[in-house]
Amino acid sequence: MWKFVTMIGMTAALASCQPVETPQIVESTLTAAERAACHADYGEVEAGAFGNEVCVRPTMDGGDVCTSSNACEGLCLAIEEDGEKSGYCSDDSTTFGCVEVFEDGEVATLCID
């Protein structure tokens, strides 16, 4: 009897399941012209978020001291040494993931996909 009740319960549970649609990820590749422009500007083509290609260009002020990202071509990345907070400009134009940035004397976490 219990096998029969269990079987009916499992059949009802499975019948109520709805298929879950998987989101479609569209990979984007750069055109030949975009790749050429990237390389002409000293950039490198790299895989970015979700496999999309991006052009990562070096910044002219990479490593310079900064107080906010407004002072940099890229981001003002935070650094803390001996309890002192400061910032330096990123070496390239594109950042992915989570980084600590220095904005007006404060450190904040910035996440970029």
N, C-alpha and C. Protein backbone atom coordinates (compact mmCIF):
# COMPACT_ATOMS: atom_id res chain seq x y z
N MET A 1 0.82 -1.20 0.00
CA MET A 1 0.00 0.00 0.00
C MET A 1 0.86 1.26 0.00
N TRP A 2 1.91 1.28 0.85
CA TRP A 2 2.77 2.47 0.92
C TRP A 2 3.50 2.71 -0.39
N LYS A 3 3.88 1.63 -1.07
CA LYS A 3 4.54 1.79 -2.37
C LYS A 3 3.60 2.49 -3.35
N PHE A 4 2.33 2.10 -3.32
CA PHE A 4 1.36 2.69 -4.22
C PHE A 4 1.17 4.18 -3.90
N VAL A 5 1.04 4.53 -2.61
CA VAL A 5 0.86 5.93 -2.20
C VAL A 5 2.11 6.74 -2.55
N THR A 6 3.28 6.17 -2.30
CA THR A 6 4.53 6.86 -2.62
C THR A 6 4.63 7.08 -4.12
N MET A 7 4.27 6.08 -4.90
CA MET A 7 4.33 6.18 -6.35
C MET A 7 3.40 7.28 -6.86
N ILE A 8 2.19 7.38 -6.34
CA ILE A 8 1.25 8.43 -6.75
C ILE A 8 1.80 9.80 -6.35
N GLY A 9 2.35 9.90 -5.13
CA GLY A 9 2.91 11.17 -4.68
C GLY A 9 4.07 11.63 -5.54
N MET A 10 4.95 10.71 -5.89
CA MET A 10 6.09 11.07 -6.75
C MET A 10 5.63 11.46 -8.14
N THR A 11 4.64 10.75 -8.67
CA THR A 11 4.11 11.07 -10.00
C THR A 11 3.50 12.47 -9.99
N ALA A 12 2.75 12.80 -8.95
CA ALA A 12 2.14 14.13 -8.85
C ALA A 12 3.22 15.21 -8.72
N ALA A 13 4.25 14.93 -7.94
CA ALA A 13 5.34 15.90 -7.77
C ALA A 13 6.06 16.14 -9.08
N LEU A 14 6.36 15.09 -9.80
CA LEU A 14 7.05 15.24 -11.09
C LEU A 14 6.18 15.93 -12.12
N ALA A 15 4.88 15.67 -12.09
CA ALA A 15 3.97 16.29 -13.05
C ALA A 15 3.86 17.79 -12.83
N SER A 16 4.09 18.23 -11.60
CA SER A 16 3.97 19.66 -11.31
C SER A 16 5.24 20.44 -11.63
N CYS A 17 6.32 19.74 -11.97
CA CYS A 17 7.58 20.42 -12.30
C CYS A 17 7.45 21.16 -13.62
N GLN A 18 7.94 22.36 -13.65
CA GLN A 18 7.95 23.15 -14.87
C GLN A 18 9.38 23.26 -15.38
N PRO A 19 9.57 23.17 -16.67
CA PRO A 19 10.93 23.31 -17.19
C PRO A 19 11.43 24.74 -16.95
N VAL A 20 12.69 24.85 -16.62
CA VAL A 20 13.32 26.15 -16.39
C VAL A 20 14.11 26.52 -17.64
N GLU A 21 13.82 27.70 -18.14
CA GLU A 21 14.53 28.14 -19.33
C GLU A 21 15.89 28.70 -18.93
N THR A 22 16.91 28.26 -19.64
CA THR A 22 18.26 28.75 -19.40
C THR A 22 18.45 30.04 -20.18
N PRO A 23 18.93 31.12 -19.51
CA PRO A 23 19.13 32.36 -20.25
C PRO A 23 20.17 32.18 -21.35
N GLN A 24 19.92 32.79 -22.47
CA GLN A 24 20.84 32.70 -23.59
C GLN A 24 21.92 33.76 -23.45
N ILE A 25 23.16 33.33 -23.54
CA ILE A 25 24.29 34.26 -23.49
C ILE A 25 24.80 34.43 -24.91
N VAL A 26 24.77 35.65 -25.38
CA VAL A 26 25.22 35.94 -26.73
C VAL A 26 26.65 36.45 -26.66
N GLU A 27 27.55 35.68 -27.24
CA GLU A 27 28.94 36.12 -27.26
C GLU A 27 29.14 37.11 -28.39
N SER A 28 29.90 38.13 -28.11
CA SER A 28 30.15 39.19 -29.07
C SER A 28 31.63 39.20 -29.42
N THR A 29 31.92 39.16 -30.69
CA THR A 29 33.30 39.25 -31.13
C THR A 29 33.48 40.56 -31.88
N LEU A 30 34.67 41.09 -31.79
CA LEU A 30 34.98 42.34 -32.48
C LEU A 30 35.15 42.08 -33.97
N THR A 31 34.79 43.04 -34.77
CA THR A 31 34.99 42.93 -36.21
C THR A 31 36.47 43.12 -36.51
N ALA A 32 36.87 42.80 -37.72
CA ALA A 32 38.26 42.97 -38.14
C ALA A 32 38.68 44.44 -38.02
N ALA A 33 37.78 45.35 -38.37
CA ALA A 33 38.09 46.78 -38.27
C ALA A 33 38.26 47.21 -36.81
N GLU A 34 37.40 46.69 -35.93
CA GLU A 34 37.52 47.02 -34.50
C GLU A 34 38.81 46.46 -33.91
N ARG A 35 39.19 45.27 -34.33
CA ARG A 35 40.45 44.68 -33.86
C ARG A 35 41.65 45.52 -34.33
N ALA A 36 41.61 45.94 -35.60
CA ALA A 36 42.70 46.75 -36.15
C ALA A 36 42.80 48.08 -35.41
N ALA A 37 41.66 48.71 -35.13
CA ALA A 37 41.66 49.98 -34.40
C ALA A 37 42.19 49.79 -32.99
N CYS A 38 41.85 48.68 -32.37
CA CYS A 38 42.32 48.38 -31.03
C CYS A 38 43.84 48.26 -31.02
N HIS A 39 44.38 47.46 -31.95
CA HIS A 39 45.83 47.27 -32.01
C HIS A 39 46.56 48.55 -32.39
N ALA A 40 45.94 49.37 -33.25
CA ALA A 40 46.56 50.64 -33.64
C ALA A 40 46.68 51.59 -32.45
N ASP A 41 45.78 51.42 -31.47
CA ASP A 41 45.77 52.27 -30.27
C ASP A 41 46.51 51.57 -29.11
N TYR A 42 47.40 50.61 -29.46
CA TYR A 42 48.22 49.87 -28.49
C TYR A 42 47.39 49.00 -27.55
N GLY A 43 46.19 48.65 -27.98
CA GLY A 43 45.33 47.82 -27.15
C GLY A 43 45.50 46.34 -27.45
N GLU A 44 44.93 45.53 -26.58
CA GLU A 44 44.92 44.08 -26.73
C GLU A 44 43.47 43.61 -26.67
N VAL A 45 43.09 42.69 -27.54
CA VAL A 45 41.76 42.12 -27.52
C VAL A 45 41.76 40.99 -26.49
N GLU A 46 40.84 41.09 -25.53
CA GLU A 46 40.73 40.09 -24.47
C GLU A 46 39.29 39.66 -24.31
N ALA A 47 39.10 38.52 -23.66
CA ALA A 47 37.76 38.04 -23.35
C ALA A 47 37.26 38.77 -22.11
N GLY A 48 36.11 39.39 -22.23
CA GLY A 48 35.51 40.10 -21.11
C GLY A 48 34.40 39.28 -20.49
N ALA A 49 33.44 39.97 -19.93
CA ALA A 49 32.31 39.31 -19.28
C ALA A 49 31.53 38.47 -20.28
N PHE A 50 31.12 37.28 -19.87
CA PHE A 50 30.31 36.37 -20.67
C PHE A 50 30.96 35.99 -22.00
N GLY A 51 32.29 36.07 -22.08
CA GLY A 51 33.00 35.67 -23.29
C GLY A 51 33.05 36.73 -24.37
N ASN A 52 32.51 37.92 -24.10
CA ASN A 52 32.54 38.99 -25.09
C ASN A 52 33.95 39.54 -25.23
N GLU A 53 34.34 39.83 -26.46
CA GLU A 53 35.66 40.41 -26.69
C GLU A 53 35.62 41.91 -26.43
N VAL A 54 36.66 42.40 -25.78
CA VAL A 54 36.79 43.83 -25.53
C VAL A 54 38.22 44.26 -25.86
N CYS A 55 38.37 45.52 -26.15
CA CYS A 55 39.69 46.08 -26.39
C CYS A 55 40.17 46.73 -25.10
N VAL A 56 41.28 46.25 -24.58
CA VAL A 56 41.85 46.79 -23.35
C VAL A 56 43.05 47.65 -23.75
N ARG A 57 42.92 48.95 -23.51
CA ARG A 57 43.97 49.90 -23.89
C ARG A 57 44.76 50.35 -22.66
N PRO A 58 46.07 50.51 -22.81
CA PRO A 58 46.85 51.03 -21.69
C PRO A 58 46.51 52.50 -21.45
N THR A 59 46.59 52.93 -20.21
CA THR A 59 46.34 54.34 -19.90
C THR A 59 47.68 55.08 -19.85
N MET A 60 47.63 56.36 -20.14
CA MET A 60 48.84 57.19 -20.12
C MET A 60 49.28 57.51 -18.69
N ASP A 61 48.32 57.47 -17.75
CA ASP A 61 48.63 57.88 -16.38
C ASP A 61 48.69 56.71 -15.40
N GLY A 62 48.80 55.49 -15.92
CA GLY A 62 48.84 54.31 -15.07
C GLY A 62 49.93 54.40 -14.01
N GLY A 63 49.58 54.20 -12.76
CA GLY A 63 50.55 54.25 -11.66
C GLY A 63 50.66 55.61 -11.00
N ASP A 64 50.11 56.66 -11.61
CA ASP A 64 50.16 58.00 -11.01
C ASP A 64 49.29 58.04 -9.76
N VAL A 65 49.65 58.88 -8.81
CA VAL A 65 48.87 59.06 -7.59
C VAL A 65 47.59 59.82 -7.94
N CYS A 66 46.47 59.42 -7.30
CA CYS A 66 45.18 60.06 -7.58
C CYS A 66 44.34 60.13 -6.31
N THR A 67 43.33 60.99 -6.35
CA THR A 67 42.40 61.09 -5.22
C THR A 67 40.99 60.65 -5.62
N SER A 68 40.73 60.52 -6.92
CA SER A 68 39.45 60.01 -7.40
C SER A 68 39.61 59.57 -8.85
N SER A 69 38.65 58.81 -9.35
CA SER A 69 38.72 58.32 -10.72
C SER A 69 38.58 59.43 -11.74
N ASN A 70 38.07 60.58 -11.33
CA ASN A 70 37.98 61.74 -12.24
C ASN A 70 39.37 62.22 -12.66
N ALA A 71 40.39 61.90 -11.87
CA ALA A 71 41.75 62.33 -12.16
C ALA A 71 42.49 61.34 -13.06
N CYS A 72 41.85 60.23 -13.42
CA CYS A 72 42.51 59.16 -14.19
C CYS A 72 41.79 58.86 -15.49
N GLU A 73 42.54 58.30 -16.45
CA GLU A 73 41.92 57.79 -17.67
C GLU A 73 41.09 56.56 -17.35
N GLY A 74 41.56 55.75 -16.42
CA GLY A 74 40.85 54.54 -16.00
C GLY A 74 40.23 54.78 -14.64
N LEU A 75 40.57 53.91 -13.68
CA LEU A 75 40.05 54.02 -12.32
C LEU A 75 41.16 54.44 -11.36
N CYS A 76 40.76 55.04 -10.25
CA CYS A 76 41.69 55.35 -9.16
C CYS A 76 41.59 54.18 -8.19
N LEU A 77 42.56 53.28 -8.24
CA LEU A 77 42.54 52.07 -7.42
C LEU A 77 43.08 52.38 -6.03
N ALA A 78 42.43 51.81 -5.02
CA ALA A 78 42.79 52.09 -3.63
C ALA A 78 43.97 51.22 -3.19
N ILE A 79 44.77 51.81 -2.32
CA ILE A 79 45.86 51.09 -1.67
C ILE A 79 45.94 51.59 -0.24
N GLU A 80 46.22 50.69 0.67
CA GLU A 80 46.36 51.08 2.07
C GLU A 80 47.67 50.52 2.58
N GLU A 81 48.55 51.41 3.03
CA GLU A 81 49.85 51.01 3.58
C GLU A 81 50.03 51.71 4.91
N ASP A 82 50.37 50.94 5.92
CA ASP A 82 50.59 51.47 7.27
C ASP A 82 49.40 52.30 7.76
N GLY A 83 48.18 51.87 7.40
CA GLY A 83 46.98 52.57 7.84
C GLY A 83 46.63 53.80 7.03
N GLU A 84 47.46 54.17 6.08
CA GLU A 84 47.21 55.35 5.24
C GLU A 84 46.55 54.91 3.93
N LYS A 85 45.45 55.56 3.58
CA LYS A 85 44.75 55.26 2.35
C LYS A 85 45.21 56.22 1.26
N SER A 86 45.40 55.67 0.06
CA SER A 86 45.74 56.51 -1.09
C SER A 86 45.26 55.80 -2.34
N GLY A 87 45.52 56.39 -3.49
CA GLY A 87 45.07 55.79 -4.74
C GLY A 87 46.10 55.96 -5.83
N TYR A 88 46.03 55.08 -6.82
CA TYR A 88 46.88 55.18 -8.00
C TYR A 88 46.04 54.84 -9.22
N CYS A 89 46.34 55.46 -10.34
CA CYS A 89 45.58 55.26 -11.57
C CYS A 89 45.83 53.86 -12.13
N SER A 90 44.78 53.23 -12.65
CA SER A 90 44.89 51.88 -13.22
C SER A 90 45.75 51.91 -14.48
N ASP A 91 46.37 50.77 -14.75
CA ASP A 91 47.27 50.66 -15.90
C ASP A 91 46.55 50.52 -17.23
N ASP A 92 45.27 50.11 -17.20
CA ASP A 92 44.54 49.96 -18.45
C ASP A 92 43.12 50.49 -18.33
N SER A 93 42.45 50.53 -19.46
CA SER A 93 41.14 51.18 -19.54
C SER A 93 39.97 50.31 -19.10
N THR A 94 40.18 49.02 -18.98
CA THR A 94 39.06 48.11 -18.71
C THR A 94 39.34 47.29 -17.46
N THR A 95 38.36 47.25 -16.58
CA THR A 95 38.47 46.47 -15.36
C THR A 95 37.22 45.61 -15.22
N PHE A 96 37.42 44.34 -14.88
CA PHE A 96 36.31 43.43 -14.64
C PHE A 96 36.43 42.88 -13.24
N GLY A 97 35.30 42.49 -12.68
CA GLY A 97 35.30 41.94 -11.33
C GLY A 97 35.17 43.04 -10.31
N CYS A 98 35.52 42.73 -9.08
CA CYS A 98 35.40 43.69 -7.99
C CYS A 98 36.78 44.24 -7.63
N VAL A 99 36.87 45.55 -7.52
CA VAL A 99 38.11 46.21 -7.15
C VAL A 99 37.82 47.27 -6.09
N GLU A 100 38.83 47.61 -5.34
CA GLU A 100 38.72 48.69 -4.37
C GLU A 100 39.17 49.98 -5.06
N VAL A 101 38.31 51.00 -5.03
CA VAL A 101 38.63 52.29 -5.64
C VAL A 101 38.76 53.35 -4.55
N PHE A 102 39.50 54.38 -4.86
CA PHE A 102 39.74 55.48 -3.92
C PHE A 102 39.01 56.70 -4.46
N GLU A 103 38.01 57.17 -3.72
CA GLU A 103 37.21 58.31 -4.16
C GLU A 103 37.12 59.32 -3.03
N ASP A 104 37.74 60.47 -3.21
CA ASP A 104 37.67 61.59 -2.26
C ASP A 104 38.02 61.16 -0.83
N GLY A 105 39.11 60.41 -0.71
CA GLY A 105 39.60 60.02 0.61
C GLY A 105 38.96 58.78 1.19
N GLU A 106 38.02 58.17 0.49
CA GLU A 106 37.33 56.98 0.97
C GLU A 106 37.57 55.80 0.04
N VAL A 107 37.62 54.61 0.60
CA VAL A 107 37.77 53.39 -0.17
C VAL A 107 36.39 52.77 -0.36
N ALA A 108 36.07 52.41 -1.59
CA ALA A 108 34.79 51.77 -1.91
C ALA A 108 35.04 50.57 -2.82
N THR A 109 34.15 49.60 -2.77
CA THR A 109 34.25 48.44 -3.65
C THR A 109 33.39 48.69 -4.88
N LEU A 110 33.98 48.49 -6.04
CA LEU A 110 33.27 48.66 -7.30
C LEU A 110 33.32 47.33 -8.04
N CYS A 111 32.16 46.81 -8.42
CA CYS A 111 32.08 45.52 -9.15
C CYS A 111 31.59 45.80 -10.57
N ILE A 112 32.36 45.32 -11.55
CA ILE A 112 32.05 45.55 -12.96
C ILE A 112 31.97 44.19 -13.65
N ASP A 113 30.84 43.95 -14.36
CA ASP A 113 30.67 42.67 -15.09
C ASP A 113 31.20 42.76 -16.48
